[in-house]
Amino acid sequence: MHSGKKSGNMSKKLTLTLVLIIAFGLVLADEPYNQLKSQVQKLEKRVDVFEKSAKQTQDSTSDLKRQVGELAVAGRIQQQKLNEVSEKLTVLEGRQVALGGSLAQLSRETDQKTQTIDETITTRSQWYSASIIALLLVLGGCYWYLHRRNDASEQSLSAQVRSAIDTVRSTEEKIAKSDTALADSLFEILNKLKVQEMGASVNGQARTADVDHHLPLKLADEIHRMRKRLISLPEDTKGLTPLQKSLERLESELAEQGYEIIDHTGMSYTENLSVNARFIPSEDFEADQKVISKVVVPQVNHNGMMIRMADIEVSIGS
């Protein structure tokens, strides 16, 4: 700032000196006064221009100094930041070195633990393999024992099944023989009653209105029961043929005396049937179907007239 002021004063002094010299030279040259005055004015204008230029230069210099000062401050701030960054880098490098050491230690520990685990797994695998082999041997022995026992059991079971089948067959044969004997006995009783009725008729002791249907009805029930049992027995059962013939002979004898057994099994049910019916829903038939699926007591007619109503079960499609 002081150097600027000094340079300004010196420039003013130089300017005045020049003016005086020029003025003195003009006087010596004997020039007119107006001309001298004009020259002085021109010189003064130039001096003003120089002063303005000097002031602008001074202002520019002040701005440059101010900017230099600001740049210096900014430089110091940047230097401080650089120092802080350098310190942080130093700290990070230290941490990186420490982390590298920790990673190396962790790697060594991991290798040791992995080796220990491998050894443990190897040992356990050997134990497991030995245990599995022993278990397989035990299971194999158990399977062999159970297989032999199962074979023996199957043989015993087969023998029991054969024995049961033989018992059932024997029972079926006995049933067939028993029913045959019963049918023959009923036939003999029916014949005796027939002979007695014929004798009573000859002597005029009986009338049609006094006929007792109790025994024929019992016979009809027994025939119906034996017919159902005959259907349920296997075809290769011994004694079925004699039973079939005995039943046919018994039914023929009843027919000769005017009795008829009506079996409604398998017939379609209609409302005009004179029967005692029980209705049972069934999925085996369609919704509109009504089929007589079971005859509990058969209908019996005598000389074309019903003397007993049938008791039946009707399956209704659902």
C-alpha atoms as a PDB file:
ATOM      1  CA  MET A   1       0.000   0.000   0.000  1.00  0.00           C
ATOM      2  CA  HIS A   2       2.788   2.524   0.867  1.00  0.00           C
ATOM      3  CA  SER A   3       4.731   1.665  -2.284  1.00  0.00           C
ATOM      4  CA  GLY A   4       1.593   2.448  -4.318  1.00  0.00           C
ATOM      5  CA  LYS A   5       1.245   5.881  -2.710  1.00  0.00           C
ATOM      6  CA  LYS A   6       4.958   6.640  -3.276  1.00  0.00           C
ATOM      7  CA  SER A   7       4.729   5.685  -6.931  1.00  0.00           C
ATOM      8  CA  GLY A   8       1.684   7.943  -7.301  1.00  0.00           C
ATOM      9  CA  ASN A   9       3.471  10.989  -5.779  1.00  0.00           C
ATOM     10  CA  MET A  10       6.521  10.385  -7.935  1.00  0.00           C
ATOM     11  CA  SER A  11       4.369  10.199 -11.038  1.00  0.00           C
ATOM     12  CA  LYS A  12       2.740  13.522 -10.080  1.00  0.00           C
ATOM     13  CA  LYS A  13       6.127  15.172  -9.530  1.00  0.00           C
ATOM     14  CA  LEU A  14       7.414  13.896 -12.826  1.00  0.00           C
ATOM     15  CA  THR A  15       4.314  15.127 -14.548  1.00  0.00           C
ATOM     16  CA  LEU A  16       4.660  18.658 -13.064  1.00  0.00           C
ATOM     17  CA  THR A  17       8.357  18.718 -13.931  1.00  0.00           C
ATOM     18  CA  LEU A  18       7.568  17.787 -17.495  1.00  0.00           C
ATOM     19  CA  VAL A  19       4.913  20.484 -17.662  1.00  0.00           C
ATOM     20  CA  LEU A  20       7.311  23.112 -16.377  1.00  0.00           C
ATOM     21  CA  ILE A  21      10.010  22.043 -18.791  1.00  0.00           C
ATOM     22  CA  ILE A  22       7.614  22.108 -21.683  1.00  0.00           C
ATOM     23  CA  ALA A  23       6.255  25.466 -20.571  1.00  0.00           C
ATOM     24  CA  PHE A  24       9.719  26.847 -20.226  1.00  0.00           C
ATOM     25  CA  GLY A  25      10.672  25.487 -23.587  1.00  0.00           C
ATOM     26  CA  LEU A  26       7.669  27.140 -25.162  1.00  0.00           C
ATOM     27  CA  VAL A  27       8.484  30.459 -23.578  1.00  0.00           C
ATOM     28  CA  LEU A  28      12.019  30.177 -24.842  1.00  0.00           C
ATOM     29  CA  ALA A  29      10.744  29.323 -28.257  1.00  0.00           C
ATOM     30  CA  ASP A  30       8.669  32.451 -28.162  1.00  0.00           C
ATOM     31  CA  GLU A  31       5.316  30.484 -28.898  1.00  0.00           C
ATOM     32  CA  PRO A  32       2.008  32.144 -28.406  1.00  0.00           C
ATOM     33  CA  TYR A  33       0.322  31.890 -25.050  1.00  0.00           C
ATOM     34  CA  ASN A  34      -2.841  30.139 -26.322  1.00  0.00           C
ATOM     35  CA  GLN A  35      -0.831  27.490 -27.918  1.00  0.00           C
ATOM     36  CA  LEU A  36       1.056  26.978 -24.685  1.00  0.00           C
ATOM     37  CA  LYS A  37      -2.195  26.870 -22.769  1.00  0.00           C
ATOM     38  CA  SER A  38      -3.566  24.282 -25.157  1.00  0.00           C
ATOM     39  CA  GLN A  39      -0.514  22.166 -24.721  1.00  0.00           C
ATOM     40  CA  VAL A  40      -0.782  22.485 -20.940  1.00  0.00           C
ATOM     41  CA  GLN A  41      -4.415  21.375 -21.023  1.00  0.00           C
ATOM     42  CA  LYS A  42      -3.503  18.390 -23.124  1.00  0.00           C
ATOM     43  CA  LEU A  43      -0.755  17.552 -20.713  1.00  0.00           C
ATOM     44  CA  GLU A  44      -3.143  17.887 -17.779  1.00  0.00           C
ATOM     45  CA  LYS A  45      -5.594  15.525 -19.463  1.00  0.00           C
ATOM     46  CA  ARG A  46      -2.813  13.046 -20.010  1.00  0.00           C
ATOM     47  CA  VAL A  47      -1.826  13.448 -16.383  1.00  0.00           C
ATOM     48  CA  ASP A  48      -5.450  12.707 -15.356  1.00  0.00           C
ATOM     49  CA  VAL A  49      -5.460   9.665 -17.575  1.00  0.00           C
ATOM     50  CA  PHE A  50      -2.180   8.515 -16.066  1.00  0.00           C
ATOM     51  CA  GLU A  51      -3.546   9.087 -12.591  1.00  0.00           C
ATOM     52  CA  LYS A  52      -6.696   7.107 -13.352  1.00  0.00           C
ATOM     53  CA  SER A  53      -4.607   4.344 -14.834  1.00  0.00           C
ATOM     54  CA  ALA A  54      -2.341   4.413 -11.804  1.00  0.00           C
ATOM     55  CA  LYS A  55      -5.358   4.225  -9.502  1.00  0.00           C
ATOM     56  CA  GLN A  56      -6.792   1.307 -11.460  1.00  0.00           C
ATOM     57  CA  THR A  57      -3.418  -0.403 -11.314  1.00  0.00           C
ATOM     58  CA  GLN A  58      -3.313   0.258  -7.574  1.00  0.00           C
ATOM     59  CA  ASP A  59      -6.836  -1.207  -7.181  1.00  0.00           C
ATOM     60  CA  SER A  60      -5.912  -4.243  -9.275  1.00  0.00           C
ATOM     61  CA  THR A  61      -2.831  -4.733  -7.191  1.00  0.00           C
ATOM     62  CA  SER A  62      -4.927  -4.576  -4.005  1.00  0.00           C
ATOM     63  CA  ASP A  63      -7.371  -7.137  -5.448  1.00  0.00           C
ATOM     64  CA  LEU A  64      -4.500  -9.397  -6.430  1.00  0.00           C
ATOM     65  CA  LYS A  65      -3.018  -9.117  -2.950  1.00  0.00           C
ATOM     66  CA  ARG A  66      -6.407  -9.868  -1.418  1.00  0.00           C
ATOM     67  CA  GLN A  67      -6.857 -12.907  -3.716  1.00  0.00           C
ATOM     68  CA  VAL A  68      -3.339 -14.047  -2.904  1.00  0.00           C
ATOM     69  CA  GLY A  69      -4.209 -13.801   0.785  1.00  0.00           C
ATOM     70  CA  GLU A  70      -7.423 -15.767   0.236  1.00  0.00           C
ATOM     71  CA  LEU A  71      -5.525 -18.389  -1.776  1.00  0.00           C
ATOM     72  CA  ALA A  72      -2.990 -18.623   1.006  1.00  0.00           C
ATOM     73  CA  VAL A  73      -5.767 -19.180   3.554  1.00  0.00           C
ATOM     74  CA  ALA A  74      -7.379 -21.762   1.245  1.00  0.00           C
ATOM     75  CA  GLY A  75      -4.001 -23.395   0.790  1.00  0.00           C
ATOM     76  CA  ARG A  76      -3.551 -23.654   4.529  1.00  0.00           C
ATOM     77  CA  ILE A  77      -7.056 -25.163   4.863  1.00  0.00           C
ATOM     78  CA  GLN A  78      -6.306 -27.652   2.077  1.00  0.00           C
ATOM     79  CA  GLN A  79      -3.022 -28.470   3.742  1.00  0.00           C
ATOM     80  CA  GLN A  80      -4.849 -29.112   7.010  1.00  0.00           C
ATOM     81  CA  LYS A  81      -7.331 -31.368   5.187  1.00  0.00           C
ATOM     82  CA  LEU A  82      -4.455 -33.157   3.493  1.00  0.00           C
ATOM     83  CA  ASN A  83      -2.837 -33.648   6.866  1.00  0.00           C
ATOM     84  CA  GLU A  84      -6.091 -35.011   8.301  1.00  0.00           C
ATOM     85  CA  VAL A  85      -6.508 -37.353   5.323  1.00  0.00           C
ATOM     86  CA  SER A  86      -2.894 -38.468   5.728  1.00  0.00           C
ATOM     87  CA  GLU A  87      -3.495 -39.185   9.402  1.00  0.00           C
ATOM     88  CA  LYS A  88      -6.656 -41.155   8.565  1.00  0.00           C
ATOM     89  CA  LEU A  89      -4.751 -43.118   5.928  1.00  0.00           C
ATOM     90  CA  THR A  90      -2.084 -43.881   8.498  1.00  0.00           C
ATOM     91  CA  VAL A  91      -4.756 -45.101  10.921  1.00  0.00           C
ATOM     92  CA  LEU A  92      -6.413 -47.180   8.184  1.00  0.00           C
ATOM     93  CA  GLU A  93      -3.080 -48.705   7.237  1.00  0.00           C
ATOM     94  CA  GLY A  94      -2.565 -49.643  10.877  1.00  0.00           C
ATOM     95  CA  ARG A  95      -6.011 -51.168  11.033  1.00  0.00           C
ATOM     96  CA  GLN A  96      -5.378 -53.025   7.789  1.00  0.00           C
ATOM     97  CA  VAL A  97      -2.185 -54.455   9.162  1.00  0.00           C
ATOM     98  CA  ALA A  98      -3.990 -55.496  12.361  1.00  0.00           C
ATOM     99  CA  LEU A  99      -6.854 -56.974  10.299  1.00  0.00           C
ATOM    100  CA  GLY A 100      -4.363 -58.893   8.178  1.00  0.00           C
ATOM    101  CA  GLY A 101      -2.880 -60.361  11.330  1.00  0.00           C
ATOM    102  CA  SER A 102      -6.344 -61.256  12.662  1.00  0.00           C
ATOM    103  CA  LEU A 103      -7.259 -62.896   9.357  1.00  0.00           C
ATOM    104  CA  ALA A 104      -4.066 -64.892   9.387  1.00  0.00           C
ATOM    105  CA  GLN A 105      -4.754 -66.007  12.974  1.00  0.00           C
ATOM    106  CA  LEU A 106      -8.361 -66.846  12.071  1.00  0.00           C
ATOM    107  CA  SER A 107      -7.190 -68.838   9.057  1.00  0.00           C
ATOM    108  CA  ARG A 108      -4.778 -70.824  11.234  1.00  0.00           C
ATOM    109  CA  GLU A 109      -7.492 -71.467  13.828  1.00  0.00           C
ATOM    110  CA  THR A 110      -9.947 -72.466  11.083  1.00  0.00           C
ATOM    111  CA  ASP A 111      -7.438 -74.901   9.627  1.00  0.00           C
ATOM    112  CA  GLN A 112      -6.865 -76.415  13.056  1.00  0.00           C
ATOM    113  CA  LYS A 113     -10.617 -76.728  13.743  1.00  0.00           C
ATOM    114  CA  THR A 114     -11.208 -78.187  10.277  1.00  0.00           C
ATOM    115  CA  GLN A 115      -8.526 -80.762  10.855  1.00  0.00           C
ATOM    116  CA  THR A 116     -10.012 -81.621  14.255  1.00  0.00           C
ATOM    117  CA  ILE A 117     -13.505 -81.938  12.762  1.00  0.00           C
ATOM    118  CA  ASP A 118     -12.175 -84.123   9.938  1.00  0.00           C
ATOM    119  CA  GLU A 119     -10.496 -86.390  12.431  1.00  0.00           C
ATOM    120  CA  THR A 120     -13.669 -86.531  14.559  1.00  0.00           C
ATOM    121  CA  ILE A 121     -15.827 -87.264  11.509  1.00  0.00           C
ATOM    122  CA  THR A 122     -13.423 -89.966  10.367  1.00  0.00           C
ATOM    123  CA  THR A 123     -13.501 -91.589  13.790  1.00  0.00           C
ATOM    124  CA  ARG A 124     -17.279 -91.361  14.043  1.00  0.00           C
ATOM    125  CA  SER A 125     -17.679 -92.641  10.493  1.00  0.00           C
ATOM    126  CA  GLN A 126     -15.648 -95.693  11.398  1.00  0.00           C
ATOM    127  CA  TRP A 127     -17.782 -96.251  14.488  1.00  0.00           C
ATOM    128  CA  TYR A 128     -20.962 -95.697  12.499  1.00  0.00           C
ATOM    129  CA  SER A 129     -19.830 -98.095   9.790  1.00  0.00           C
ATOM    130  CA  ALA A 130     -19.024-100.746  12.372  1.00  0.00           C
ATOM    131  CA  SER A 131     -22.373-100.145  14.104  1.00  0.00           C
ATOM    132  CA  ILE A 132     -24.271-100.330  10.803  1.00  0.00           C
ATOM    133  CA  ILE A 133     -22.523-103.551   9.863  1.00  0.00           C
ATOM    134  CA  ALA A 134     -23.317-105.029  13.264  1.00  0.00           C
ATOM    135  CA  LEU A 135     -26.924-103.861  12.972  1.00  0.00           C
ATOM    136  CA  LEU A 136     -27.201-105.373   9.490  1.00  0.00           C
ATOM    137  CA  LEU A 137     -25.862-108.652  10.801  1.00  0.00           C
ATOM    138  CA  VAL A 138     -28.393-108.582  13.639  1.00  0.00           C
ATOM    139  CA  LEU A 139     -31.200-107.680  11.243  1.00  0.00           C
ATOM    140  CA  GLY A 140     -30.091-110.428   8.880  1.00  0.00           C
ATOM    141  CA  GLY A 141     -30.155-112.942  11.731  1.00  0.00           C
ATOM    142  CA  CYS A 142     -33.575-111.689  12.838  1.00  0.00           C
ATOM    143  CA  TYR A 143     -34.877-111.865   9.262  1.00  0.00           C
ATOM    144  CA  TRP A 144     -33.582-115.410   8.853  1.00  0.00           C
ATOM    145  CA  TYR A 145     -35.121-116.418  12.182  1.00  0.00           C
ATOM    146  CA  LEU A 146     -38.421-114.687  11.432  1.00  0.00           C
ATOM    147  CA  HIS A 147     -38.437-116.113   7.906  1.00  0.00           C
ATOM    148  CA  ARG A 148     -38.060-119.623   9.247  1.00  0.00           C
ATOM    149  CA  ARG A 149     -40.636-118.918  11.930  1.00  0.00           C
ATOM    150  CA  ASN A 150     -42.938-117.381   9.326  1.00  0.00           C
ATOM    151  CA  ASP A 151     -42.559-120.439   7.121  1.00  0.00           C
ATOM    152  CA  ALA A 152     -43.420-122.616  10.064  1.00  0.00           C
ATOM    153  CA  SER A 153     -46.324-120.331  10.941  1.00  0.00           C
ATOM    154  CA  GLU A 154     -47.526-120.343   7.333  1.00  0.00           C
ATOM    155  CA  GLN A 155     -47.363-124.100   7.260  1.00  0.00           C
ATOM    156  CA  SER A 156     -49.223-124.250  10.546  1.00  0.00           C
ATOM    157  CA  LEU A 157     -51.709-121.641   9.313  1.00  0.00           C
ATOM    158  CA  SER A 158     -52.172-123.515   6.067  1.00  0.00           C
ATOM    159  CA  ALA A 159     -52.825-126.648   8.043  1.00  0.00           C
ATOM    160  CA  GLN A 160     -55.300-124.749  10.207  1.00  0.00           C
ATOM    161  CA  VAL A 161     -56.994-123.283   7.139  1.00  0.00           C
ATOM    162  CA  ARG A 162     -57.226-126.692   5.526  1.00  0.00           C
ATOM    163  CA  SER A 163     -58.575-128.069   8.748  1.00  0.00           C
ATOM    164  CA  ALA A 164     -61.113-125.230   8.982  1.00  0.00           C
ATOM    165  CA  ILE A 165     -62.144-125.760   5.346  1.00  0.00           C
ATOM    166  CA  ASP A 166     -62.499-129.466   5.963  1.00  0.00           C
ATOM    167  CA  THR A 167     -64.566-128.718   9.056  1.00  0.00           C
ATOM    168  CA  VAL A 168     -66.764-126.297   7.110  1.00  0.00           C
ATOM    169  CA  ARG A 169     -67.192-128.813   4.314  1.00  0.00           C
ATOM    170  CA  SER A 170     -67.995-131.509   6.820  1.00  0.00           C
ATOM    171  CA  THR A 171     -70.471-129.180   8.504  1.00  0.00           C
ATOM    172  CA  GLU A 172     -72.055-128.291   5.160  1.00  0.00           C
ATOM    173  CA  GLU A 173     -72.319-131.959   4.291  1.00  0.00           C
ATOM    174  CA  LYS A 174     -73.868-132.659   7.671  1.00  0.00           C
ATOM    175  CA  ILE A 175     -76.321-129.776   7.125  1.00  0.00           C
ATOM    176  CA  ALA A 176     -77.249-131.153   3.722  1.00  0.00           C
ATOM    177  CA  LYS A 177     -77.722-134.641   5.176  1.00  0.00           C
ATOM    178  CA  SER A 178     -79.687-133.245   8.101  1.00  0.00           C
ATOM    179  CA  ASP A 179     -81.967-131.229   5.813  1.00  0.00           C
ATOM    180  CA  THR A 180     -82.408-134.281   3.595  1.00  0.00           C
ATOM    181  CA  ALA A 181     -83.364-136.382   6.587  1.00  0.00           C
ATOM    182  CA  LEU A 182     -85.723-133.639   7.786  1.00  0.00           C
ATOM    183  CA  ALA A 183     -87.335-133.375   4.351  1.00  0.00           C
ATOM    184  CA  ASP A 184     -87.805-137.161   4.244  1.00  0.00           C
ATOM    185  CA  SER A 185     -89.302-137.135   7.740  1.00  0.00           C
ATOM    186  CA  LEU A 186     -91.668-134.301   6.809  1.00  0.00           C
ATOM    187  CA  PHE A 187     -92.646-136.228   3.677  1.00  0.00           C
ATOM    188  CA  GLU A 188     -93.475-139.285   5.741  1.00  0.00           C
ATOM    189  CA  ILE A 189     -95.508-137.176   8.199  1.00  0.00           C
ATOM    190  CA  LEU A 190     -97.317-135.516   5.318  1.00  0.00           C
ATOM    191  CA  ASN A 191     -98.104-138.920   3.828  1.00  0.00           C
ATOM    192  CA  LYS A 192     -99.429-140.183   7.137  1.00  0.00           C
ATOM    193  CA  LEU A 193    -101.640-137.089   7.480  1.00  0.00           C
ATOM    194  CA  LYS A 194    -102.818-137.622   3.933  1.00  0.00           C
ATOM    195  CA  VAL A 195    -103.736-141.213   4.662  1.00  0.00           C
ATOM    196  CA  GLN A 196    -105.546-140.161   7.835  1.00  0.00           C
ATOM    197  CA  GLU A 197    -107.450-137.424   5.995  1.00  0.00           C
ATOM    198  CA  MET A 198    -108.386-139.843   3.251  1.00  0.00           C
ATOM    199  CA  GLY A 199    -109.672-142.308   5.841  1.00  0.00           C
ATOM    200  CA  ALA A 200    -111.606-139.593   7.646  1.00  0.00           C
ATOM    201  CA  SER A 201    -113.046-138.411   4.354  1.00  0.00           C
ATOM    202  CA  VAL A 202    -114.234-141.915   3.562  1.00  0.00           C
ATOM    203  CA  ASN A 203    -115.928-142.094   6.941  1.00  0.00           C
ATOM    204  CA  GLY A 204    -117.467-138.619   6.470  1.00  0.00           C
ATOM    205  CA  GLN A 205    -115.689-137.142   9.489  1.00  0.00           C
ATOM    206  CA  ALA A 206    -114.055-134.125   7.756  1.00  0.00           C
ATOM    207  CA  ARG A 207    -115.291-131.136   5.821  1.00  0.00           C
ATOM    208  CA  THR A 208    -113.476-128.670   3.669  1.00  0.00           C
ATOM    209  CA  ALA A 209    -114.236-125.853   6.029  1.00  0.00           C
ATOM    210  CA  ASP A 210    -112.556-127.736   8.880  1.00  0.00           C
ATOM    211  CA  VAL A 211    -109.156-128.154   7.104  1.00  0.00           C
ATOM    212  CA  ASP A 212    -106.209-127.303   9.416  1.00  0.00           C
ATOM    213  CA  HIS A 213    -103.428-125.453   7.554  1.00  0.00           C
ATOM    214  CA  HIS A 214    -101.048-125.302  10.509  1.00  0.00           C
ATOM    215  CA  LEU A 215     -98.804-128.214   9.449  1.00  0.00           C
ATOM    216  CA  PRO A 216     -98.622-127.272   5.737  1.00  0.00           C
ATOM    217  CA  LEU A 217     -97.625-123.766   6.713  1.00  0.00           C
ATOM    218  CA  LYS A 218     -94.843-125.134   8.916  1.00  0.00           C
ATOM    219  CA  LEU A 219     -93.767-127.355   6.029  1.00  0.00           C
ATOM    220  CA  ALA A 220     -93.750-124.348   3.699  1.00  0.00           C
ATOM    221  CA  ASP A 221     -91.516-122.434   6.118  1.00  0.00           C
ATOM    222  CA  GLU A 222     -89.096-125.360   6.379  1.00  0.00           C
ATOM    223  CA  ILE A 223     -89.010-125.813   2.608  1.00  0.00           C
ATOM    224  CA  HIS A 224     -88.326-122.086   2.165  1.00  0.00           C
ATOM    225  CA  ARG A 225     -85.530-122.188   4.766  1.00  0.00           C
ATOM    226  CA  MET A 226     -83.914-125.280   3.184  1.00  0.00           C
ATOM    227  CA  ARG A 227     -84.167-123.716  -0.282  1.00  0.00           C
ATOM    228  CA  LYS A 228     -82.243-120.638   0.917  1.00  0.00           C
ATOM    229  CA  ARG A 229     -79.644-122.842   2.603  1.00  0.00           C
ATOM    230  CA  LEU A 230     -79.349-124.969  -0.511  1.00  0.00           C
ATOM    231  CA  ILE A 231     -78.544-121.843  -2.558  1.00  0.00           C
ATOM    232  CA  SER A 232     -75.886-120.722  -0.054  1.00  0.00           C
ATOM    233  CA  LEU A 233     -74.029-124.068  -0.019  1.00  0.00           C
ATOM    234  CA  PRO A 234     -71.196-124.642  -2.541  1.00  0.00           C
ATOM    235  CA  GLU A 235     -72.123-126.677  -5.587  1.00  0.00           C
ATOM    236  CA  ASP A 236     -69.502-129.339  -4.840  1.00  0.00           C
ATOM    237  CA  THR A 237     -70.942-130.068  -1.376  1.00  0.00           C
ATOM    238  CA  LYS A 238     -71.742-133.738  -0.951  1.00  0.00           C
ATOM    239  CA  GLY A 239     -75.392-134.518  -0.365  1.00  0.00           C
ATOM    240  CA  LEU A 240     -76.887-131.606  -2.332  1.00  0.00           C
ATOM    241  CA  THR A 241     -78.485-133.844  -4.948  1.00  0.00           C
ATOM    242  CA  PRO A 242     -80.383-135.987  -2.434  1.00  0.00           C
ATOM    243  CA  LEU A 243     -81.534-132.814  -0.644  1.00  0.00           C
ATOM    244  CA  GLN A 244     -82.722-131.298  -3.911  1.00  0.00           C
ATOM    245  CA  LYS A 245     -84.726-134.428  -4.744  1.00  0.00           C
ATOM    246  CA  SER A 246     -86.199-134.616  -1.244  1.00  0.00           C
ATOM    247  CA  LEU A 247     -87.356-130.987  -1.453  1.00  0.00           C
ATOM    248  CA  GLU A 248     -88.876-131.519  -4.901  1.00  0.00           C
ATOM    249  CA  ARG A 249     -90.753-134.592  -3.648  1.00  0.00           C
ATOM    250  CA  LEU A 250     -92.000-132.698  -0.577  1.00  0.00           C
ATOM    251  CA  GLU A 251     -93.138-129.726  -2.706  1.00  0.00           C
ATOM    252  CA  SER A 252     -94.895-132.102  -5.119  1.00  0.00           C
ATOM    253  CA  GLU A 253     -96.752-133.738  -2.268  1.00  0.00           C
ATOM    254  CA  LEU A 254     -97.860-130.317  -0.950  1.00  0.00           C
ATOM    255  CA  ALA A 255     -98.931-129.346  -4.452  1.00  0.00           C
ATOM    256  CA  GLU A 256    -101.035-132.524  -4.702  1.00  0.00           C
ATOM    257  CA  GLN A 257    -102.816-131.450  -1.537  1.00  0.00           C
ATOM    258  CA  GLY A 258    -103.516-128.037  -3.097  1.00  0.00           C
ATOM    259  CA  TYR A 259    -100.738-125.994  -1.427  1.00  0.00           C
ATOM    260  CA  GLU A 260     -98.495-123.602  -3.375  1.00  0.00           C
ATOM    261  CA  ILE A 261     -95.452-121.730  -2.002  1.00  0.00           C
ATOM    262  CA  ILE A 262     -94.955-118.311  -3.665  1.00  0.00           C
ATOM    263  CA  ASP A 263     -91.390-116.934  -3.518  1.00  0.00           C
ATOM    264  CA  HIS A 264     -91.263-113.212  -4.443  1.00  0.00           C
ATOM    265  CA  THR A 265     -87.440-112.900  -4.269  1.00  0.00           C
ATOM    266  CA  GLY A 266     -86.065-110.773  -7.130  1.00  0.00           C
ATOM    267  CA  MET A 267     -89.496-109.570  -8.297  1.00  0.00           C
ATOM    268  CA  SER A 268     -90.314-105.876  -8.830  1.00  0.00           C
ATOM    269  CA  TYR A 269     -92.496-104.481  -6.084  1.00  0.00           C
ATOM    270  CA  THR A 270     -95.887-103.028  -7.037  1.00  0.00           C
ATOM    271  CA  GLU A 271     -98.551-101.444  -4.877  1.00  0.00           C
ATOM    272  CA  ASN A 272    -101.158-104.102  -5.763  1.00  0.00           C
ATOM    273  CA  LEU A 273     -99.181-106.918  -4.120  1.00  0.00           C
ATOM    274  CA  SER A 274    -100.810-108.330  -0.980  1.00  0.00           C
ATOM    275  CA  VAL A 275     -97.709-108.499   1.199  1.00  0.00           C
ATOM    276  CA  ASN A 276     -96.249-107.149   4.425  1.00  0.00           C
ATOM    277  CA  ALA A 277     -93.351-105.036   3.160  1.00  0.00           C
ATOM    278  CA  ARG A 278     -90.457-103.252   4.796  1.00  0.00           C
ATOM    279  CA  PHE A 279     -88.583-100.743   2.626  1.00  0.00           C
ATOM    280  CA  ILE A 280     -84.801-100.436   2.813  1.00  0.00           C
ATOM    281  CA  PRO A 281     -82.767 -97.792   0.881  1.00  0.00           C
ATOM    282  CA  SER A 282     -80.097 -99.282  -1.359  1.00  0.00           C
ATOM    283  CA  GLU A 283     -77.372 -97.859  -3.609  1.00  0.00           C
ATOM    284  CA  ASP A 284     -77.421-100.965  -5.827  1.00  0.00           C
ATOM    285  CA  PHE A 285     -80.554 -99.834  -7.690  1.00  0.00           C
ATOM    286  CA  GLU A 286     -81.682 -96.741  -9.558  1.00  0.00           C
ATOM    287  CA  ALA A 287     -83.877 -94.107  -7.919  1.00  0.00           C
ATOM    288  CA  ASP A 288     -87.187 -95.436  -9.330  1.00  0.00           C
ATOM    289  CA  GLN A 289     -86.471 -99.128  -8.785  1.00  0.00           C
ATOM    290  CA  LYS A 290     -88.196-101.176  -6.062  1.00  0.00           C
ATOM    291  CA  VAL A 291     -87.029-104.788  -5.911  1.00  0.00           C
ATOM    292  CA  ILE A 292     -87.994-107.503  -3.424  1.00  0.00           C
ATOM    293  CA  SER A 293     -84.579-108.412  -2.029  1.00  0.00           C
ATOM    294  CA  LYS A 294     -85.584-110.796   0.760  1.00  0.00           C
ATOM    295  CA  VAL A 295     -88.546-113.034   1.661  1.00  0.00           C
ATOM    296  CA  VAL A 296     -88.765-113.533   5.415  1.00  0.00           C
ATOM    297  CA  VAL A 297     -91.977-115.608   5.292  1.00  0.00           C
ATOM    298  CA  PRO A 298     -93.273-116.889   1.911  1.00  0.00           C
ATOM    299  CA  GLN A 299     -96.832-116.554   0.685  1.00  0.00           C
ATOM    300  CA  VAL A 300     -98.837-119.800   0.754  1.00  0.00           C
ATOM    301  CA  ASN A 301    -101.955-120.505  -1.356  1.00  0.00           C
ATOM    302  CA  HIS A 302    -104.406-123.365  -0.950  1.00  0.00           C
ATOM    303  CA  ASN A 303    -106.478-124.347  -3.948  1.00  0.00           C
ATOM    304  CA  GLY A 304    -105.705-120.967  -5.500  1.00  0.00           C
ATOM    305  CA  MET A 305    -106.696-118.963  -2.408  1.00  0.00           C
ATOM    306  CA  MET A 306    -104.089-117.155  -0.271  1.00  0.00           C
ATOM    307  CA  ILE A 307    -104.069-118.551   3.247  1.00  0.00           C
ATOM    308  CA  ARG A 308    -101.007-116.599   4.430  1.00  0.00           C
ATOM    309  CA  MET A 309     -99.569-113.237   3.346  1.00  0.00           C
ATOM    310  CA  ALA A 310     -95.854-112.969   2.566  1.00  0.00           C
ATOM    311  CA  ASP A 311     -93.494-110.972   4.777  1.00  0.00           C
ATOM    312  CA  ILE A 312     -90.849-109.308   2.570  1.00  0.00           C
ATOM    313  CA  GLU A 313     -88.105-106.645   2.420  1.00  0.00           C
ATOM    314  CA  VAL A 314     -88.004-104.230  -0.518  1.00  0.00           C
ATOM    315  CA  SER A 315     -84.827-102.452  -1.633  1.00  0.00           C
ATOM    316  CA  ILE A 316     -85.466 -98.922  -2.937  1.00  0.00           C
ATOM    317  CA  GLY A 317     -82.921 -97.222  -5.172  1.00  0.00           C
ATOM    318  CA  SER A 318     -81.427 -94.039  -3.705  1.00  0.00           C
END
